[in-house]
Amino acid sequence: MAKAPDVLLVDYHLHDRMDGLDTLDALREHGPRVPGALVTADGSDQVKRDARVRARGYRVLTKPIKPASLRAFLAAQRSAHVAGHTP
């Protein structure tokens, strides 16, 4: 049996009928509640402040992602997992 991922990083703008937010929701619906982040090159405030993203517990990481930002996100997810807090 395959192991579930520890975290999901999904591009926000997919060239399909679903965007990254819909994709994260679908993955959570059909599997374990894995923490996720939306990755985007769109630096507009509209994307960064999308209420649907925050309401679902996701984070927006803007490309190019700074290594320190990615490390901080992953460390926060690890700490939440160790503390028993799942998204």
N, C-alpha and C. Protein backbone atom coordinates (compact mmCIF):
# COMPACT_ATOMS: atom_id res chain seq x y z
N MET A 1 0.84 -1.18 0.00
CA MET A 1 0.00 0.00 0.00
C MET A 1 0.89 1.25 0.00
N ALA A 2 0.52 2.23 -0.79
CA ALA A 2 1.30 3.46 -0.90
C ALA A 2 1.09 4.32 0.34
N LYS A 3 2.14 5.00 0.73
CA LYS A 3 2.09 5.91 1.87
C LYS A 3 1.54 7.26 1.41
N ALA A 4 0.69 7.86 2.22
CA ALA A 4 0.15 9.18 1.90
C ALA A 4 1.27 10.22 1.97
N PRO A 5 1.20 11.26 1.16
CA PRO A 5 2.23 12.30 1.23
C PRO A 5 2.11 13.08 2.54
N ASP A 6 3.20 13.70 2.94
CA ASP A 6 3.21 14.52 4.16
C ASP A 6 2.61 15.91 3.91
N VAL A 7 2.76 16.41 2.70
CA VAL A 7 2.27 17.73 2.34
C VAL A 7 2.02 17.76 0.83
N LEU A 8 1.08 18.59 0.40
CA LEU A 8 0.78 18.74 -1.02
C LEU A 8 1.12 20.15 -1.47
N LEU A 9 1.88 20.27 -2.52
CA LEU A 9 2.18 21.56 -3.15
C LEU A 9 1.57 21.50 -4.54
N VAL A 10 0.57 22.32 -4.79
CA VAL A 10 -0.19 22.27 -6.04
C VAL A 10 -0.20 23.64 -6.69
N ASP A 11 0.05 23.67 -7.99
CA ASP A 11 0.02 24.93 -8.73
C ASP A 11 -1.42 25.47 -8.73
N TYR A 12 -1.57 26.75 -8.49
CA TYR A 12 -2.89 27.38 -8.41
C TYR A 12 -3.58 27.41 -9.77
N HIS A 13 -2.84 27.78 -10.81
CA HIS A 13 -3.42 27.91 -12.15
C HIS A 13 -3.12 26.68 -12.97
N LEU A 14 -4.08 25.77 -13.01
CA LEU A 14 -3.96 24.58 -13.84
C LEU A 14 -4.74 24.86 -15.12
N HIS A 15 -4.28 24.35 -16.21
CA HIS A 15 -4.96 24.61 -17.49
C HIS A 15 -5.94 23.48 -17.75
N ASP A 16 -6.92 23.39 -16.86
CA ASP A 16 -7.91 22.34 -16.92
C ASP A 16 -9.19 22.91 -16.35
N ARG A 17 -10.18 22.07 -16.14
CA ARG A 17 -11.44 22.56 -15.58
C ARG A 17 -11.33 22.87 -14.10
N MET A 18 -10.31 22.34 -13.44
CA MET A 18 -10.11 22.58 -12.01
C MET A 18 -8.89 23.47 -11.81
N ASP A 19 -8.96 24.31 -10.77
CA ASP A 19 -7.76 25.06 -10.39
C ASP A 19 -7.10 24.30 -9.23
N GLY A 20 -5.99 24.82 -8.74
CA GLY A 20 -5.27 24.14 -7.68
C GLY A 20 -6.08 23.97 -6.40
N LEU A 21 -6.93 24.94 -6.11
CA LEU A 21 -7.78 24.87 -4.93
C LEU A 21 -8.75 23.70 -5.05
N ASP A 22 -9.39 23.57 -6.21
CA ASP A 22 -10.29 22.44 -6.43
C ASP A 22 -9.55 21.11 -6.35
N THR A 23 -8.32 21.09 -6.85
CA THR A 23 -7.52 19.86 -6.83
C THR A 23 -7.19 19.45 -5.39
N LEU A 24 -6.76 20.41 -4.57
CA LEU A 24 -6.47 20.10 -3.17
C LEU A 24 -7.72 19.58 -2.46
N ASP A 25 -8.86 20.23 -2.72
CA ASP A 25 -10.11 19.78 -2.10
C ASP A 25 -10.44 18.34 -2.51
N ALA A 26 -10.29 18.04 -3.81
CA ALA A 26 -10.59 16.70 -4.31
C ALA A 26 -9.65 15.66 -3.70
N LEU A 27 -8.38 16.00 -3.58
CA LEU A 27 -7.43 15.06 -2.98
C LEU A 27 -7.76 14.80 -1.52
N ARG A 28 -8.16 15.82 -0.81
CA ARG A 28 -8.53 15.65 0.60
C ARG A 28 -9.83 14.86 0.74
N GLU A 29 -10.73 15.04 -0.21
CA GLU A 29 -12.02 14.36 -0.15
C GLU A 29 -11.85 12.84 -0.32
N HIS A 30 -10.87 12.45 -1.12
CA HIS A 30 -10.69 11.03 -1.44
C HIS A 30 -9.49 10.40 -0.74
N GLY A 31 -8.96 11.08 0.24
CA GLY A 31 -7.80 10.53 0.94
C GLY A 31 -7.64 11.20 2.29
N PRO A 32 -6.51 10.98 2.92
CA PRO A 32 -6.27 11.60 4.23
C PRO A 32 -6.16 13.11 4.12
N ARG A 33 -6.47 13.80 5.20
CA ARG A 33 -6.38 15.27 5.22
C ARG A 33 -4.92 15.68 5.35
N VAL A 34 -4.30 15.85 4.22
CA VAL A 34 -2.89 16.22 4.15
C VAL A 34 -2.80 17.73 4.02
N PRO A 35 -1.89 18.39 4.76
CA PRO A 35 -1.75 19.83 4.61
C PRO A 35 -1.32 20.19 3.19
N GLY A 36 -1.77 21.36 2.74
CA GLY A 36 -1.45 21.74 1.38
C GLY A 36 -1.18 23.21 1.22
N ALA A 37 -0.51 23.52 0.13
CA ALA A 37 -0.24 24.91 -0.24
C ALA A 37 -0.44 25.05 -1.73
N LEU A 38 -0.90 26.22 -2.11
CA LEU A 38 -1.04 26.56 -3.51
C LEU A 38 0.19 27.34 -3.93
N VAL A 39 0.77 26.94 -5.04
CA VAL A 39 1.97 27.58 -5.57
C VAL A 39 1.55 28.35 -6.81
N THR A 40 1.95 29.61 -6.92
CA THR A 40 1.53 30.41 -8.06
C THR A 40 2.58 31.45 -8.43
N ALA A 41 2.61 31.77 -9.71
CA ALA A 41 3.45 32.87 -10.18
C ALA A 41 2.65 34.17 -10.20
N ASP A 42 1.35 34.06 -9.93
CA ASP A 42 0.45 35.22 -9.91
C ASP A 42 0.61 35.92 -8.57
N GLY A 43 1.28 37.04 -8.56
CA GLY A 43 1.54 37.76 -7.31
C GLY A 43 0.46 38.76 -6.95
N SER A 44 -0.68 38.70 -7.63
CA SER A 44 -1.75 39.68 -7.38
C SER A 44 -2.35 39.47 -5.99
N ASP A 45 -2.86 40.56 -5.43
CA ASP A 45 -3.51 40.49 -4.13
C ASP A 45 -4.75 39.61 -4.17
N GLN A 46 -5.40 39.53 -5.32
CA GLN A 46 -6.60 38.71 -5.45
C GLN A 46 -6.29 37.25 -5.10
N VAL A 47 -5.20 36.73 -5.60
CA VAL A 47 -4.83 35.35 -5.30
C VAL A 47 -4.36 35.22 -3.86
N LYS A 48 -3.52 36.13 -3.42
CA LYS A 48 -2.97 36.04 -2.06
C LYS A 48 -4.05 36.14 -0.99
N ARG A 49 -5.11 36.89 -1.29
CA ARG A 49 -6.15 37.12 -0.29
C ARG A 49 -7.44 36.34 -0.56
N ASP A 50 -7.37 35.35 -1.41
CA ASP A 50 -8.55 34.54 -1.74
C ASP A 50 -9.08 33.90 -0.45
N ALA A 51 -10.27 34.30 -0.05
CA ALA A 51 -10.85 33.83 1.21
C ALA A 51 -11.06 32.31 1.21
N ARG A 52 -11.31 31.74 0.04
CA ARG A 52 -11.52 30.29 -0.03
C ARG A 52 -10.25 29.54 0.39
N VAL A 53 -9.10 30.10 0.05
CA VAL A 53 -7.83 29.45 0.38
C VAL A 53 -7.65 29.40 1.89
N ARG A 54 -7.80 30.51 2.54
CA ARG A 54 -7.63 30.57 4.00
C ARG A 54 -8.70 29.76 4.74
N ALA A 55 -9.94 29.83 4.26
CA ALA A 55 -11.03 29.12 4.91
C ALA A 55 -10.79 27.61 4.91
N ARG A 56 -10.08 27.13 3.92
CA ARG A 56 -9.81 25.69 3.82
C ARG A 56 -8.48 25.30 4.43
N GLY A 57 -7.77 26.28 4.98
CA GLY A 57 -6.53 25.99 5.70
C GLY A 57 -5.31 25.83 4.82
N TYR A 58 -5.38 26.33 3.60
CA TYR A 58 -4.23 26.25 2.71
C TYR A 58 -3.43 27.55 2.78
N ARG A 59 -2.25 27.49 2.25
CA ARG A 59 -1.38 28.66 2.19
C ARG A 59 -1.01 28.92 0.75
N VAL A 60 -0.74 30.17 0.40
CA VAL A 60 -0.30 30.54 -0.94
C VAL A 60 1.19 30.83 -0.88
N LEU A 61 1.95 30.15 -1.73
CA LEU A 61 3.38 30.38 -1.88
C LEU A 61 3.62 30.93 -3.28
N THR A 62 4.21 32.11 -3.36
CA THR A 62 4.41 32.77 -4.64
C THR A 62 5.75 32.39 -5.25
N LYS A 63 5.72 32.02 -6.54
CA LYS A 63 6.93 31.68 -7.28
C LYS A 63 7.67 32.96 -7.66
N PRO A 64 8.96 32.93 -7.73
CA PRO A 64 9.81 31.84 -7.27
C PRO A 64 9.77 31.78 -5.75
N ILE A 65 9.61 30.58 -5.24
CA ILE A 65 9.51 30.39 -3.79
C ILE A 65 10.89 30.51 -3.18
N LYS A 66 10.99 31.39 -2.22
CA LYS A 66 12.27 31.54 -1.52
C LYS A 66 12.49 30.30 -0.66
N PRO A 67 13.70 29.76 -0.68
CA PRO A 67 13.97 28.56 0.12
C PRO A 67 13.58 28.72 1.59
N ALA A 68 13.81 29.89 2.16
CA ALA A 68 13.47 30.11 3.56
C ALA A 68 11.95 30.03 3.78
N SER A 69 11.17 30.52 2.83
CA SER A 69 9.71 30.45 2.94
C SER A 69 9.23 29.00 2.87
N LEU A 70 9.81 28.24 1.96
CA LEU A 70 9.43 26.84 1.84
C LEU A 70 9.82 26.06 3.08
N ARG A 71 11.03 26.31 3.59
CA ARG A 71 11.47 25.64 4.82
C ARG A 71 10.54 25.99 5.99
N ALA A 72 10.16 27.26 6.10
CA ALA A 72 9.27 27.68 7.19
C ALA A 72 7.91 27.00 7.07
N PHE A 73 7.37 26.92 5.87
CA PHE A 73 6.09 26.25 5.66
C PHE A 73 6.18 24.78 6.05
N LEU A 74 7.21 24.11 5.56
CA LEU A 74 7.37 22.67 5.85
C LEU A 74 7.62 22.43 7.34
N ALA A 75 8.40 23.29 7.98
CA ALA A 75 8.66 23.15 9.42
C ALA A 75 7.37 23.34 10.21
N ALA A 76 6.54 24.30 9.80
CA ALA A 76 5.27 24.54 10.49
C ALA A 76 4.35 23.32 10.34
N GLN A 77 4.36 22.71 9.18
CA GLN A 77 3.54 21.52 8.96
C GLN A 77 4.03 20.35 9.81
N ARG A 78 5.35 20.20 9.89
CA ARG A 78 5.93 19.13 10.70
C ARG A 78 5.59 19.35 12.17
N SER A 79 5.71 20.60 12.65
CA SER A 79 5.39 20.90 14.05
C SER A 79 3.93 20.63 14.36
N ALA A 80 3.04 20.99 13.44
CA ALA A 80 1.61 20.75 13.64
C ALA A 80 1.32 19.25 13.67
N HIS A 81 2.01 18.50 12.82
CA HIS A 81 1.83 17.05 12.78
C HIS A 81 2.30 16.40 14.08
N VAL A 82 3.46 16.82 14.55
CA VAL A 82 4.02 16.27 15.80
C VAL A 82 3.11 16.61 16.97
N ALA A 83 2.53 17.82 16.95
CA ALA A 83 1.65 18.25 18.03
C ALA A 83 0.26 17.61 17.93
N GLY A 84 0.02 16.92 16.82
CA GLY A 84 -1.26 16.25 16.65
C GLY A 84 -2.34 17.12 16.04
N HIS A 85 -1.95 18.25 15.50
CA HIS A 85 -2.92 19.15 14.85
C HIS A 85 -2.91 18.86 13.36
N THR A 86 -4.00 18.35 12.84
CA THR A 86 -4.09 18.12 11.41
C THR A 86 -4.96 19.16 10.78
N PRO A 87 -4.73 19.46 9.51
CA PRO A 87 -5.53 20.50 8.85
C PRO A 87 -6.98 20.12 8.74
